[in-house]
Amino acid sequence: MKAKPYQVTSLVPRIQSGFKAALIFGPDFGVVQELSEKIASFVVPSLSDEFSVIKLTPQKIKEIPSILTDEGNAVGLFGGRKLLWLKNADNGILEAVESYLEQIKNNTFLLISADNLTKNSGLRQFCESHPDILCVACYADTEKDVAEYIRETLAGQGIRISSAALPLLVERLSENRLATKKELEKLVTYLGDKTTVDVTDVQAVVTDTQNSSVDLFCTAVATGNQKSAEKEYHLMLANGENPVSIIRILYLYFNRLLDAVSVVETSGTEAGLKKIMKPAQFRLESSFRQQLSIWKKSFVLKVLNLLLNAERQAKTTGLPAEIMLGRVVLQITGVAQKYK
């Protein structure tokens, strides 16, 4: 069964007693991780309980094909429902998942977290068509999604946000869920005992994304500004950003650029600008115009495949991820330089 991220809470009864498994996937790793943890919390009381939460990897399943079914049918040491959590899943585990669903004899829940899976992915197609599997795709947040997430997160802390502060905060936040979460944590800490967020709080704490290293890095890469791209990349690493996270941030950016380029091909540059540029980024208009003139749809698709392969290699090879990503950044900026 396919569902949207916002529908998951309403499906709690089926997660607890109906669905046998869930597939959570998409390019926004922040939403994938957050939603996976949320679903896991509906299944077991504590995610730190090693007896009721069994974490597996695709590599482990490839080494021992029967481990998924064996673990699923094993009775928990202290009773209660068990959760099998398979992270970083790929199409290579499809046969094991099919076998698991055929042979599972108790109420163990299988949670599968994955990165972006194409529409042709065998794993995605199987899960979306199976009546006992909840399947949720996680894409970059829209402004409406960000606003709702802000309200929900702050409300959970007993905090409300003024009608004037909300749109300003939305403008300043990224469509990347992890980045948004970090900024909200900073904001809550800054508030102290205060229970209402106003405009001055947002201005004091939340950095305008158009001036952030993330935004400057992405625009530098997409416009072929190698010197600036390298500077911002090393700054992000120095600030503790994980190389794989940077790959995914860049993937999200080029995915948004792909949407804009597709609009340009049918409706012209001005329509493409509206697709890619947020209101708070008006000072970057000339940069976005340049990107739309440089990048063609076929080029962007190649970049997206390059980034997906880079992430895969960063997880499976012994090469340092920061060096691998550095090479990828050089390749992409090289393409942009060539077609400037």
C-alpha atoms as a PDB file:
ATOM      1  CA  MET A   1       0.000   0.000   0.000  1.00  0.00           C
ATOM      2  CA  LYS A   2       1.353   3.408  -0.999  1.00  0.00           C
ATOM      3  CA  ALA A   3       1.024   6.333   1.419  1.00  0.00           C
ATOM      4  CA  LYS A   4       2.339   9.875   1.929  1.00  0.00           C
ATOM      5  CA  PRO A   5       4.601  10.698   4.913  1.00  0.00           C
ATOM      6  CA  TYR A   6       1.880  12.809   6.550  1.00  0.00           C
ATOM      7  CA  GLN A   7      -0.553   9.836   6.426  1.00  0.00           C
ATOM      8  CA  VAL A   8       1.617   7.529   8.540  1.00  0.00           C
ATOM      9  CA  THR A   9       0.244   8.670  11.918  1.00  0.00           C
ATOM     10  CA  SER A  10      -3.303   7.845  10.832  1.00  0.00           C
ATOM     11  CA  LEU A  11      -2.137   4.322   9.893  1.00  0.00           C
ATOM     12  CA  VAL A  12      -0.801   3.434  13.365  1.00  0.00           C
ATOM     13  CA  PRO A  13      -3.525   0.779  14.029  1.00  0.00           C
ATOM     14  CA  ARG A  14      -2.598  -1.054  10.815  1.00  0.00           C
ATOM     15  CA  ILE A  15       1.132  -0.754  11.550  1.00  0.00           C
ATOM     16  CA  GLN A  16       0.568  -2.299  14.975  1.00  0.00           C
ATOM     17  CA  SER A  17      -1.706  -5.128  13.917  1.00  0.00           C
ATOM     18  CA  GLY A  18      -2.131  -5.253  10.142  1.00  0.00           C
ATOM     19  CA  PHE A  19       0.953  -4.551   8.030  1.00  0.00           C
ATOM     20  CA  LYS A  20       3.749  -7.110   8.043  1.00  0.00           C
ATOM     21  CA  ALA A  21       6.368  -4.712   6.694  1.00  0.00           C
ATOM     22  CA  ALA A  22       7.106  -1.162   5.570  1.00  0.00           C
ATOM     23  CA  LEU A  23       9.391   0.283   2.905  1.00  0.00           C
ATOM     24  CA  ILE A  24      10.525   3.876   3.514  1.00  0.00           C
ATOM     25  CA  PHE A  25      12.641   5.315   0.711  1.00  0.00           C
ATOM     26  CA  GLY A  26      13.581   8.484  -1.150  1.00  0.00           C
ATOM     27  CA  PRO A  27      16.313  11.033  -1.841  1.00  0.00           C
ATOM     28  CA  ASP A  28      15.606  13.019   1.342  1.00  0.00           C
ATOM     29  CA  PHE A  29      17.556  10.879   3.817  1.00  0.00           C
ATOM     30  CA  GLY A  30      16.463  13.094   6.702  1.00  0.00           C
ATOM     31  CA  VAL A  31      12.797  12.317   6.154  1.00  0.00           C
ATOM     32  CA  VAL A  32      13.572   8.613   5.519  1.00  0.00           C
ATOM     33  CA  GLN A  33      15.463   8.314   8.812  1.00  0.00           C
ATOM     34  CA  GLU A  34      12.939  10.306  10.823  1.00  0.00           C
ATOM     35  CA  LEU A  35       9.924   8.474   9.422  1.00  0.00           C
ATOM     36  CA  SER A  36      11.605   5.076   9.869  1.00  0.00           C
ATOM     37  CA  GLU A  37      12.254   5.849  13.536  1.00  0.00           C
ATOM     38  CA  LYS A  38       8.653   6.994  13.939  1.00  0.00           C
ATOM     39  CA  ILE A  39       7.257   3.766  12.476  1.00  0.00           C
ATOM     40  CA  ALA A  40       9.694   1.696  14.552  1.00  0.00           C
ATOM     41  CA  SER A  41       8.418   3.429  17.715  1.00  0.00           C
ATOM     42  CA  PHE A  42       4.883   2.284  16.854  1.00  0.00           C
ATOM     43  CA  VAL A  43       6.069  -1.339  16.763  1.00  0.00           C
ATOM     44  CA  VAL A  44       8.371  -1.655  19.804  1.00  0.00           C
ATOM     45  CA  PRO A  45       8.531   0.307  23.092  1.00  0.00           C
ATOM     46  CA  SER A  46      12.259   1.074  22.864  1.00  0.00           C
ATOM     47  CA  LEU A  47      14.561   1.275  19.827  1.00  0.00           C
ATOM     48  CA  SER A  48      17.566   0.606  22.085  1.00  0.00           C
ATOM     49  CA  ASP A  49      16.249  -2.829  23.122  1.00  0.00           C
ATOM     50  CA  GLU A  50      18.616  -5.219  21.324  1.00  0.00           C
ATOM     51  CA  PHE A  51      16.334  -8.206  22.060  1.00  0.00           C
ATOM     52  CA  SER A  52      13.302  -6.757  20.272  1.00  0.00           C
ATOM     53  CA  VAL A  53      15.064  -4.657  17.590  1.00  0.00           C
ATOM     54  CA  ILE A  54      17.278  -6.622  15.182  1.00  0.00           C
ATOM     55  CA  LYS A  55      19.243  -4.490  12.720  1.00  0.00           C
ATOM     56  CA  LEU A  56      20.396  -6.078   9.467  1.00  0.00           C
ATOM     57  CA  THR A  57      22.254  -4.969   6.337  1.00  0.00           C
ATOM     58  CA  PRO A  58      21.956  -5.995   2.665  1.00  0.00           C
ATOM     59  CA  GLN A  59      25.498  -7.384   2.910  1.00  0.00           C
ATOM     60  CA  LYS A  60      24.511  -9.662   5.796  1.00  0.00           C
ATOM     61  CA  ILE A  61      21.491 -10.944   3.855  1.00  0.00           C
ATOM     62  CA  LYS A  62      23.665 -11.656   0.808  1.00  0.00           C
ATOM     63  CA  GLU A  63      26.068 -13.615   3.031  1.00  0.00           C
ATOM     64  CA  ILE A  64      23.263 -15.538   4.788  1.00  0.00           C
ATOM     65  CA  PRO A  65      20.142 -15.493   2.537  1.00  0.00           C
ATOM     66  CA  SER A  66      17.923 -17.169   5.162  1.00  0.00           C
ATOM     67  CA  ILE A  67      18.787 -14.780   8.011  1.00  0.00           C
ATOM     68  CA  LEU A  68      15.769 -12.533   7.417  1.00  0.00           C
ATOM     69  CA  THR A  69      13.267 -15.386   7.724  1.00  0.00           C
ATOM     70  CA  ASP A  70      15.202 -17.077  10.539  1.00  0.00           C
ATOM     71  CA  GLU A  71      15.311 -13.898  12.630  1.00  0.00           C
ATOM     72  CA  GLY A  72      11.679 -13.138  11.830  1.00  0.00           C
ATOM     73  CA  ASN A  73      10.427 -16.505  13.036  1.00  0.00           C
ATOM     74  CA  ALA A  74      12.653 -16.638  16.122  1.00  0.00           C
ATOM     75  CA  VAL A  75      10.729 -15.991  19.349  1.00  0.00           C
ATOM     76  CA  GLY A  76      11.843 -12.902  21.248  1.00  0.00           C
ATOM     77  CA  LEU A  77      13.693 -13.547  24.510  1.00  0.00           C
ATOM     78  CA  PHE A  78      11.195 -11.573  26.616  1.00  0.00           C
ATOM     79  CA  GLY A  79       8.149 -11.926  24.361  1.00  0.00           C
ATOM     80  CA  GLY A  80       6.431  -8.987  22.722  1.00  0.00           C
ATOM     81  CA  ARG A  81       6.609  -7.941  19.103  1.00  0.00           C
ATOM     82  CA  LYS A  82       9.951  -7.965  17.301  1.00  0.00           C
ATOM     83  CA  LEU A  83      11.225  -5.447  14.759  1.00  0.00           C
ATOM     84  CA  LEU A  84      13.633  -6.351  11.972  1.00  0.00           C
ATOM     85  CA  TRP A  85      15.185  -3.143  10.638  1.00  0.00           C
ATOM     86  CA  LEU A  86      16.959  -3.412   7.300  1.00  0.00           C
ATOM     87  CA  LYS A  87      18.835  -0.192   6.463  1.00  0.00           C
ATOM     88  CA  ASN A  88      20.343   0.958   3.140  1.00  0.00           C
ATOM     89  CA  ALA A  89      18.317  -1.658   1.273  1.00  0.00           C
ATOM     90  CA  ASP A  90      18.723  -2.253  -2.457  1.00  0.00           C
ATOM     91  CA  ASN A  91      17.207  -4.471  -5.127  1.00  0.00           C
ATOM     92  CA  GLY A  92      19.598  -7.276  -4.176  1.00  0.00           C
ATOM     93  CA  ILE A  93      17.479  -8.152  -1.137  1.00  0.00           C
ATOM     94  CA  LEU A  94      14.199  -8.561  -3.065  1.00  0.00           C
ATOM     95  CA  GLU A  95      14.296 -12.374  -3.132  1.00  0.00           C
ATOM     96  CA  ALA A  96      14.949 -12.495   0.632  1.00  0.00           C
ATOM     97  CA  VAL A  97      12.011 -10.152   1.292  1.00  0.00           C
ATOM     98  CA  GLU A  98       9.683 -12.239  -0.898  1.00  0.00           C
ATOM     99  CA  SER A  99      10.768 -15.416   0.923  1.00  0.00           C
ATOM    100  CA  TYR A 100      10.324 -13.724   4.298  1.00  0.00           C
ATOM    101  CA  LEU A 101       6.716 -12.723   3.584  1.00  0.00           C
ATOM    102  CA  GLU A 102       5.884 -16.236   2.399  1.00  0.00           C
ATOM    103  CA  GLN A 103       7.384 -17.958   5.444  1.00  0.00           C
ATOM    104  CA  ILE A 104       6.863 -15.562   8.360  1.00  0.00           C
ATOM    105  CA  LYS A 105       4.718 -17.258  11.023  1.00  0.00           C
ATOM    106  CA  ASN A 106       4.450 -14.646  13.780  1.00  0.00           C
ATOM    107  CA  ASN A 107       3.816 -10.923  14.089  1.00  0.00           C
ATOM    108  CA  THR A 108       7.414  -9.743  13.576  1.00  0.00           C
ATOM    109  CA  PHE A 109       7.496  -6.434  11.676  1.00  0.00           C
ATOM    110  CA  LEU A 110      10.003  -5.851   8.870  1.00  0.00           C
ATOM    111  CA  LEU A 111      11.098  -2.222   8.417  1.00  0.00           C
ATOM    112  CA  ILE A 112      13.069  -1.487   5.234  1.00  0.00           C
ATOM    113  CA  SER A 113      14.860   1.858   4.824  1.00  0.00           C
ATOM    114  CA  ALA A 114      16.344   2.742   1.453  1.00  0.00           C
ATOM    115  CA  ASP A 115      17.699   5.626  -0.563  1.00  0.00           C
ATOM    116  CA  ASN A 116      16.085   6.714  -3.780  1.00  0.00           C
ATOM    117  CA  LEU A 117      14.519   3.781  -5.661  1.00  0.00           C
ATOM    118  CA  THR A 118      13.465   4.323  -9.273  1.00  0.00           C
ATOM    119  CA  LYS A 119      10.004   3.404 -10.529  1.00  0.00           C
ATOM    120  CA  ASN A 120      11.605   0.398 -12.253  1.00  0.00           C
ATOM    121  CA  SER A 121      13.114  -0.884  -9.009  1.00  0.00           C
ATOM    122  CA  GLY A 122      12.008  -4.452  -8.377  1.00  0.00           C
ATOM    123  CA  LEU A 123      11.977  -3.923  -4.613  1.00  0.00           C
ATOM    124  CA  ARG A 124       9.847  -0.795  -4.897  1.00  0.00           C
ATOM    125  CA  GLN A 125       7.381  -2.376  -7.336  1.00  0.00           C
ATOM    126  CA  PHE A 126       6.971  -5.459  -5.158  1.00  0.00           C
ATOM    127  CA  CYS A 127       6.387  -3.460  -1.959  1.00  0.00           C
ATOM    128  CA  GLU A 128       4.005  -0.958  -3.560  1.00  0.00           C
ATOM    129  CA  SER A 129       1.807  -3.738  -4.926  1.00  0.00           C
ATOM    130  CA  HIS A 130       1.780  -5.894  -1.767  1.00  0.00           C
ATOM    131  CA  PRO A 131      -1.321  -5.386   0.434  1.00  0.00           C
ATOM    132  CA  ASP A 132       0.573  -6.174   3.659  1.00  0.00           C
ATOM    133  CA  ILE A 133       3.423  -3.697   3.068  1.00  0.00           C
ATOM    134  CA  LEU A 134       3.238   0.023   3.814  1.00  0.00           C
ATOM    135  CA  CYS A 135       5.275   1.876   1.171  1.00  0.00           C
ATOM    136  CA  VAL A 136       6.192   5.563   1.688  1.00  0.00           C
ATOM    137  CA  ALA A 137       8.273   7.695  -0.700  1.00  0.00           C
ATOM    138  CA  CYS A 138      10.140  10.631   0.887  1.00  0.00           C
ATOM    139  CA  TYR A 139      11.030  13.570  -1.314  1.00  0.00           C
ATOM    140  CA  ALA A 140      12.311  17.051  -0.529  1.00  0.00           C
ATOM    141  CA  ASP A 141       9.907  19.099   1.570  1.00  0.00           C
ATOM    142  CA  THR A 142       7.752  21.723  -0.114  1.00  0.00           C
ATOM    143  CA  GLU A 143       7.248  25.058   1.661  1.00  0.00           C
ATOM    144  CA  LYS A 144       3.896  23.737   2.931  1.00  0.00           C
ATOM    145  CA  ASP A 145       5.642  20.623   4.309  1.00  0.00           C
ATOM    146  CA  VAL A 146       8.295  22.749   6.024  1.00  0.00           C
ATOM    147  CA  ALA A 147       5.637  24.979   7.631  1.00  0.00           C
ATOM    148  CA  GLU A 148       3.715  21.967   8.925  1.00  0.00           C
ATOM    149  CA  TYR A 149       6.903  20.345  10.236  1.00  0.00           C
ATOM    150  CA  ILE A 150       7.845  23.570  12.059  1.00  0.00           C
ATOM    151  CA  ARG A 151       4.439  23.799  13.763  1.00  0.00           C
ATOM    152  CA  GLU A 152       4.426  20.106  14.707  1.00  0.00           C
ATOM    153  CA  THR A 153       8.010  20.118  16.037  1.00  0.00           C
ATOM    154  CA  LEU A 154       7.592  23.285  18.089  1.00  0.00           C
ATOM    155  CA  ALA A 155       4.194  22.169  19.416  1.00  0.00           C
ATOM    156  CA  GLY A 156       5.853  19.000  20.685  1.00  0.00           C
ATOM    157  CA  GLN A 157       8.047  21.264  22.826  1.00  0.00           C
ATOM    158  CA  GLY A 158       5.064  23.292  24.035  1.00  0.00           C
ATOM    159  CA  ILE A 159       6.019  26.210  21.781  1.00  0.00           C
ATOM    160  CA  ARG A 160       3.906  28.152  19.288  1.00  0.00           C
ATOM    161  CA  ILE A 161       5.113  30.388  16.459  1.00  0.00           C
ATOM    162  CA  SER A 162       3.596  33.747  15.510  1.00  0.00           C
ATOM    163  CA  SER A 163       1.922  34.229  12.128  1.00  0.00           C
ATOM    164  CA  ALA A 164       4.615  36.763  11.160  1.00  0.00           C
ATOM    165  CA  ALA A 165       7.546  34.549  12.195  1.00  0.00           C
ATOM    166  CA  LEU A 166       6.376  31.376  10.421  1.00  0.00           C
ATOM    167  CA  PRO A 167       6.800  32.524   6.767  1.00  0.00           C
ATOM    168  CA  LEU A 168      10.165  34.103   7.603  1.00  0.00           C
ATOM    169  CA  LEU A 169      11.362  30.858   9.178  1.00  0.00           C
ATOM    170  CA  VAL A 170      10.122  28.821   6.192  1.00  0.00           C
ATOM    171  CA  GLU A 171      12.082  31.103   3.829  1.00  0.00           C
ATOM    172  CA  ARG A 172      15.250  30.658   5.852  1.00  0.00           C
ATOM    173  CA  LEU A 173      15.091  26.900   6.136  1.00  0.00           C
ATOM    174  CA  SER A 174      16.243  24.269   3.667  1.00  0.00           C
ATOM    175  CA  GLU A 175      14.049  21.658   2.004  1.00  0.00           C
ATOM    176  CA  ASN A 176      16.424  19.138   3.584  1.00  0.00           C
ATOM    177  CA  ARG A 177      14.776  17.700   6.703  1.00  0.00           C
ATOM    178  CA  LEU A 178      17.980  17.125   8.668  1.00  0.00           C
ATOM    179  CA  ALA A 179      19.142  20.711   8.150  1.00  0.00           C
ATOM    180  CA  THR A 180      15.696  21.971   9.190  1.00  0.00           C
ATOM    181  CA  LYS A 181      15.754  19.802  12.309  1.00  0.00           C
ATOM    182  CA  LYS A 182      19.148  21.193  13.371  1.00  0.00           C
ATOM    183  CA  GLU A 183      17.995  24.792  12.957  1.00  0.00           C
ATOM    184  CA  LEU A 184      14.834  24.153  14.994  1.00  0.00           C
ATOM    185  CA  GLU A 185      16.882  22.573  17.775  1.00  0.00           C
ATOM    186  CA  LYS A 186      19.032  25.715  17.881  1.00  0.00           C
ATOM    187  CA  LEU A 187      15.924  27.882  17.980  1.00  0.00           C
ATOM    188  CA  VAL A 188      14.341  25.915  20.864  1.00  0.00           C
ATOM    189  CA  THR A 189      17.569  26.148  22.874  1.00  0.00           C
ATOM    190  CA  TYR A 190      17.744  29.895  22.271  1.00  0.00           C
ATOM    191  CA  LEU A 191      14.158  30.424  23.475  1.00  0.00           C
ATOM    192  CA  GLY A 192      14.810  29.034  26.942  1.00  0.00           C
ATOM    193  CA  ASP A 193      11.606  29.425  28.954  1.00  0.00           C
ATOM    194  CA  LYS A 194       9.904  31.485  26.260  1.00  0.00           C
ATOM    195  CA  THR A 195       6.909  29.709  24.679  1.00  0.00           C
ATOM    196  CA  THR A 196       6.303  31.807  21.556  1.00  0.00           C
ATOM    197  CA  VAL A 197       8.641  32.283  18.585  1.00  0.00           C
ATOM    198  CA  ASP A 198       8.547  35.785  17.095  1.00  0.00           C
ATOM    199  CA  VAL A 199      10.339  37.456  14.179  1.00  0.00           C
ATOM    200  CA  THR A 200      13.260  38.683  16.313  1.00  0.00           C
ATOM    201  CA  ASP A 201      13.944  35.110  17.499  1.00  0.00           C
ATOM    202  CA  VAL A 202      14.119  33.839  13.918  1.00  0.00           C
ATOM    203  CA  GLN A 203      16.385  36.702  12.856  1.00  0.00           C
ATOM    204  CA  ALA A 204      18.697  36.113  15.821  1.00  0.00           C
ATOM    205  CA  VAL A 205      19.115  32.363  15.450  1.00  0.00           C
ATOM    206  CA  VAL A 206      18.276  30.976  12.001  1.00  0.00           C
ATOM    207  CA  THR A 207      20.753  31.659   9.228  1.00  0.00           C
ATOM    208  CA  ASP A 208      19.339  32.743   5.875  1.00  0.00           C
ATOM    209  CA  THR A 209      19.864  29.702   3.640  1.00  0.00           C
ATOM    210  CA  GLN A 210      20.972  31.877   0.722  1.00  0.00           C
ATOM    211  CA  ASN A 211      24.134  32.677   2.718  1.00  0.00           C
ATOM    212  CA  SER A 212      24.703  29.187   4.135  1.00  0.00           C
ATOM    213  CA  SER A 213      27.630  26.958   3.144  1.00  0.00           C
ATOM    214  CA  VAL A 214      25.172  24.378   1.809  1.00  0.00           C
ATOM    215  CA  ASP A 215      23.515  26.814  -0.584  1.00  0.00           C
ATOM    216  CA  LEU A 216      26.776  28.465  -1.623  1.00  0.00           C
ATOM    217  CA  PHE A 217      28.337  25.048  -2.195  1.00  0.00           C
ATOM    218  CA  CYS A 218      25.497  23.795  -4.392  1.00  0.00           C
ATOM    219  CA  THR A 219      25.325  26.946  -6.528  1.00  0.00           C
ATOM    220  CA  ALA A 220      29.119  26.982  -6.910  1.00  0.00           C
ATOM    221  CA  VAL A 221      29.106  23.382  -8.154  1.00  0.00           C
ATOM    222  CA  ALA A 222      26.179  23.982 -10.535  1.00  0.00           C
ATOM    223  CA  THR A 223      27.778  27.116 -12.040  1.00  0.00           C
ATOM    224  CA  GLY A 224      31.233  25.582 -12.395  1.00  0.00           C
ATOM    225  CA  ASN A 225      32.928  27.810  -9.812  1.00  0.00           C
ATOM    226  CA  GLN A 226      35.577  25.308  -8.756  1.00  0.00           C
ATOM    227  CA  LYS A 227      37.422  27.552  -6.299  1.00  0.00           C
ATOM    228  CA  SER A 228      34.247  28.476  -4.394  1.00  0.00           C
ATOM    229  CA  ALA A 229      32.937  24.884  -4.484  1.00  0.00           C
ATOM    230  CA  GLU A 230      36.161  23.554  -2.933  1.00  0.00           C
ATOM    231  CA  LYS A 231      36.154  26.291  -0.267  1.00  0.00           C
ATOM    232  CA  GLU A 232      32.558  25.627   0.816  1.00  0.00           C
ATOM    233  CA  TYR A 233      33.047  21.859   0.644  1.00  0.00           C
ATOM    234  CA  HIS A 234      36.002  21.945   3.036  1.00  0.00           C
ATOM    235  CA  LEU A 235      34.125  24.380   5.282  1.00  0.00           C
ATOM    236  CA  MET A 236      31.202  21.935   5.518  1.00  0.00           C
ATOM    237  CA  LEU A 237      33.595  19.085   6.366  1.00  0.00           C
ATOM    238  CA  ALA A 238      35.304  21.264   8.996  1.00  0.00           C
ATOM    239  CA  ASN A 239      31.886  21.957  10.539  1.00  0.00           C
ATOM    240  CA  GLY A 240      31.316  18.219  10.966  1.00  0.00           C
ATOM    241  CA  GLU A 241      29.115  17.506   7.942  1.00  0.00           C
ATOM    242  CA  ASN A 242      29.292  13.861   6.858  1.00  0.00           C
ATOM    243  CA  PRO A 243      30.528  13.335   3.232  1.00  0.00           C
ATOM    244  CA  VAL A 244      27.591  11.014   2.469  1.00  0.00           C
ATOM    245  CA  SER A 245      25.211  13.704   3.763  1.00  0.00           C
ATOM    246  CA  ILE A 246      26.868  16.215   1.404  1.00  0.00           C
ATOM    247  CA  ILE A 247      26.373  13.818  -1.516  1.00  0.00           C
ATOM    248  CA  ARG A 248      22.670  13.619  -0.680  1.00  0.00           C
ATOM    249  CA  ILE A 249      22.375  17.409  -0.284  1.00  0.00           C
ATOM    250  CA  LEU A 250      23.918  17.821  -3.735  1.00  0.00           C
ATOM    251  CA  TYR A 251      21.581  15.113  -5.086  1.00  0.00           C
ATOM    252  CA  LEU A 252      18.531  16.981  -3.770  1.00  0.00           C
ATOM    253  CA  TYR A 253      19.773  20.209  -5.317  1.00  0.00           C
ATOM    254  CA  PHE A 254      20.302  18.680  -8.763  1.00  0.00           C
ATOM    255  CA  ASN A 255      16.966  16.900  -8.500  1.00  0.00           C
ATOM    256  CA  ARG A 256      15.353  20.317  -8.022  1.00  0.00           C
ATOM    257  CA  LEU A 257      17.433  21.648 -10.926  1.00  0.00           C
ATOM    258  CA  LEU A 258      16.130  18.769 -13.066  1.00  0.00           C
ATOM    259  CA  ASP A 259      12.546  19.869 -12.364  1.00  0.00           C
ATOM    260  CA  ALA A 260      13.414  23.459 -13.313  1.00  0.00           C
ATOM    261  CA  VAL A 261      15.251  22.441 -16.497  1.00  0.00           C
ATOM    262  CA  SER A 262      12.273  20.307 -17.540  1.00  0.00           C
ATOM    263  CA  VAL A 263       9.999  23.332 -17.092  1.00  0.00           C
ATOM    264  CA  VAL A 264      12.387  25.507 -19.135  1.00  0.00           C
ATOM    265  CA  GLU A 265      12.172  23.063 -22.046  1.00  0.00           C
ATOM    266  CA  THR A 266       8.385  23.404 -22.195  1.00  0.00           C
ATOM    267  CA  SER A 267       7.580  26.833 -20.737  1.00  0.00           C
ATOM    268  CA  GLY A 268      10.723  28.979 -20.871  1.00  0.00           C
ATOM    269  CA  THR A 269      13.333  30.365 -18.478  1.00  0.00           C
ATOM    270  CA  GLU A 270      11.035  32.524 -16.354  1.00  0.00           C
ATOM    271  CA  ALA A 271       8.845  29.535 -15.501  1.00  0.00           C
ATOM    272  CA  GLY A 272      11.961  27.514 -14.687  1.00  0.00           C
ATOM    273  CA  LEU A 273      13.185  30.243 -12.335  1.00  0.00           C
ATOM    274  CA  LYS A 274       9.928  30.113 -10.386  1.00  0.00           C
ATOM    275  CA  LYS A 275      10.408  26.368 -10.029  1.00  0.00           C
ATOM    276  CA  ILE A 276      13.924  26.483  -8.585  1.00  0.00           C
ATOM    277  CA  MET A 277      14.178  29.830  -6.786  1.00  0.00           C
ATOM    278  CA  LYS A 278      12.670  30.527  -3.381  1.00  0.00           C
ATOM    279  CA  PRO A 279      11.470  34.039  -2.496  1.00  0.00           C
ATOM    280  CA  ALA A 280      14.374  34.515  -0.061  1.00  0.00           C
ATOM    281  CA  GLN A 281      16.903  33.769  -2.821  1.00  0.00           C
ATOM    282  CA  PHE A 282      16.205  36.757  -5.060  1.00  0.00           C
ATOM    283  CA  ARG A 283      19.854  37.878  -4.837  1.00  0.00           C
ATOM    284  CA  LEU A 284      20.858  34.584  -6.438  1.00  0.00           C
ATOM    285  CA  GLU A 285      18.663  35.084  -9.509  1.00  0.00           C
ATOM    286  CA  SER A 286      21.602  35.664 -11.875  1.00  0.00           C
ATOM    287  CA  SER A 287      23.236  32.442 -10.640  1.00  0.00           C
ATOM    288  CA  PHE A 288      20.040  30.449 -11.224  1.00  0.00           C
ATOM    289  CA  ARG A 289      19.653  31.931 -14.695  1.00  0.00           C
ATOM    290  CA  GLN A 290      23.191  30.843 -15.483  1.00  0.00           C
ATOM    291  CA  GLN A 291      22.507  27.310 -14.245  1.00  0.00           C
ATOM    292  CA  LEU A 292      19.395  27.014 -16.386  1.00  0.00           C
ATOM    293  CA  SER A 293      21.410  28.053 -19.436  1.00  0.00           C
ATOM    294  CA  ILE A 294      24.221  25.583 -18.662  1.00  0.00           C
ATOM    295  CA  TRP A 295      22.349  22.435 -17.763  1.00  0.00           C
ATOM    296  CA  LYS A 296      20.306  20.283 -20.105  1.00  0.00           C
ATOM    297  CA  LYS A 297      18.058  17.500 -18.894  1.00  0.00           C
ATOM    298  CA  SER A 298      20.402  14.739 -20.112  1.00  0.00           C
ATOM    299  CA  PHE A 299      23.368  16.336 -18.296  1.00  0.00           C
ATOM    300  CA  VAL A 300      21.483  16.602 -15.007  1.00  0.00           C
ATOM    301  CA  LEU A 301      20.373  12.966 -15.216  1.00  0.00           C
ATOM    302  CA  LYS A 302      24.010  11.914 -15.636  1.00  0.00           C
ATOM    303  CA  VAL A 303      24.983  13.974 -12.583  1.00  0.00           C
ATOM    304  CA  LEU A 304      22.234  12.327 -10.507  1.00  0.00           C
ATOM    305  CA  ASN A 305      23.473   8.863 -11.522  1.00  0.00           C
ATOM    306  CA  LEU A 306      27.034   9.929 -10.723  1.00  0.00           C
ATOM    307  CA  LEU A 307      26.003  11.034  -7.229  1.00  0.00           C
ATOM    308  CA  LEU A 308      24.053   7.820  -6.578  1.00  0.00           C
ATOM    309  CA  ASN A 309      27.077   5.743  -7.608  1.00  0.00           C
ATOM    310  CA  ALA A 310      29.352   7.903  -5.442  1.00  0.00           C
ATOM    311  CA  GLU A 311      27.170   7.269  -2.402  1.00  0.00           C
ATOM    312  CA  ARG A 312      27.133   3.544  -3.092  1.00  0.00           C
ATOM    313  CA  GLN A 313      30.915   3.451  -3.397  1.00  0.00           C
ATOM    314  CA  ALA A 314      31.347   5.561  -0.259  1.00  0.00           C
ATOM    315  CA  LYS A 315      29.448   2.884   1.663  1.00  0.00           C
ATOM    316  CA  THR A 316      31.013  -0.205   0.109  1.00  0.00           C
ATOM    317  CA  THR A 317      34.651   0.586  -0.761  1.00  0.00           C
ATOM    318  CA  GLY A 318      37.634   1.363   1.407  1.00  0.00           C
ATOM    319  CA  LEU A 319      38.276   4.728  -0.233  1.00  0.00           C
ATOM    320  CA  PRO A 320      37.875   7.755   2.078  1.00  0.00           C
ATOM    321  CA  ALA A 321      34.434   9.233   1.355  1.00  0.00           C
ATOM    322  CA  GLU A 322      35.662  12.839   1.514  1.00  0.00           C
ATOM    323  CA  ILE A 323      38.264  12.175  -1.202  1.00  0.00           C
ATOM    324  CA  MET A 324      35.762  10.320  -3.384  1.00  0.00           C
ATOM    325  CA  LEU A 325      33.217  13.132  -3.131  1.00  0.00           C
ATOM    326  CA  GLY A 326      35.931  15.698  -3.823  1.00  0.00           C
ATOM    327  CA  ARG A 327      36.605  13.975  -7.150  1.00  0.00           C
ATOM    328  CA  VAL A 328      32.897  13.935  -7.990  1.00  0.00           C
ATOM    329  CA  VAL A 329      32.625  17.665  -7.247  1.00  0.00           C
ATOM    330  CA  LEU A 330      35.513  18.314  -9.650  1.00  0.00           C
ATOM    331  CA  GLN A 331      33.783  16.266 -12.357  1.00  0.00           C
ATOM    332  CA  ILE A 332      30.499  18.162 -12.014  1.00  0.00           C
ATOM    333  CA  THR A 333      32.075  21.617 -11.876  1.00  0.00           C
ATOM    334  CA  GLY A 334      34.125  20.614 -14.924  1.00  0.00           C
ATOM    335  CA  VAL A 335      30.935  19.948 -16.907  1.00  0.00           C
ATOM    336  CA  ALA A 336      29.478  23.306 -15.845  1.00  0.00           C
ATOM    337  CA  GLN A 337      32.703  25.120 -16.799  1.00  0.00           C
ATOM    338  CA  LYS A 338      32.665  23.511 -20.230  1.00  0.00           C
ATOM    339  CA  TYR A 339      29.146  24.715 -21.094  1.00  0.00           C
ATOM    340  CA  LYS A 340      29.242  28.180 -19.481  1.00  0.00           C
END
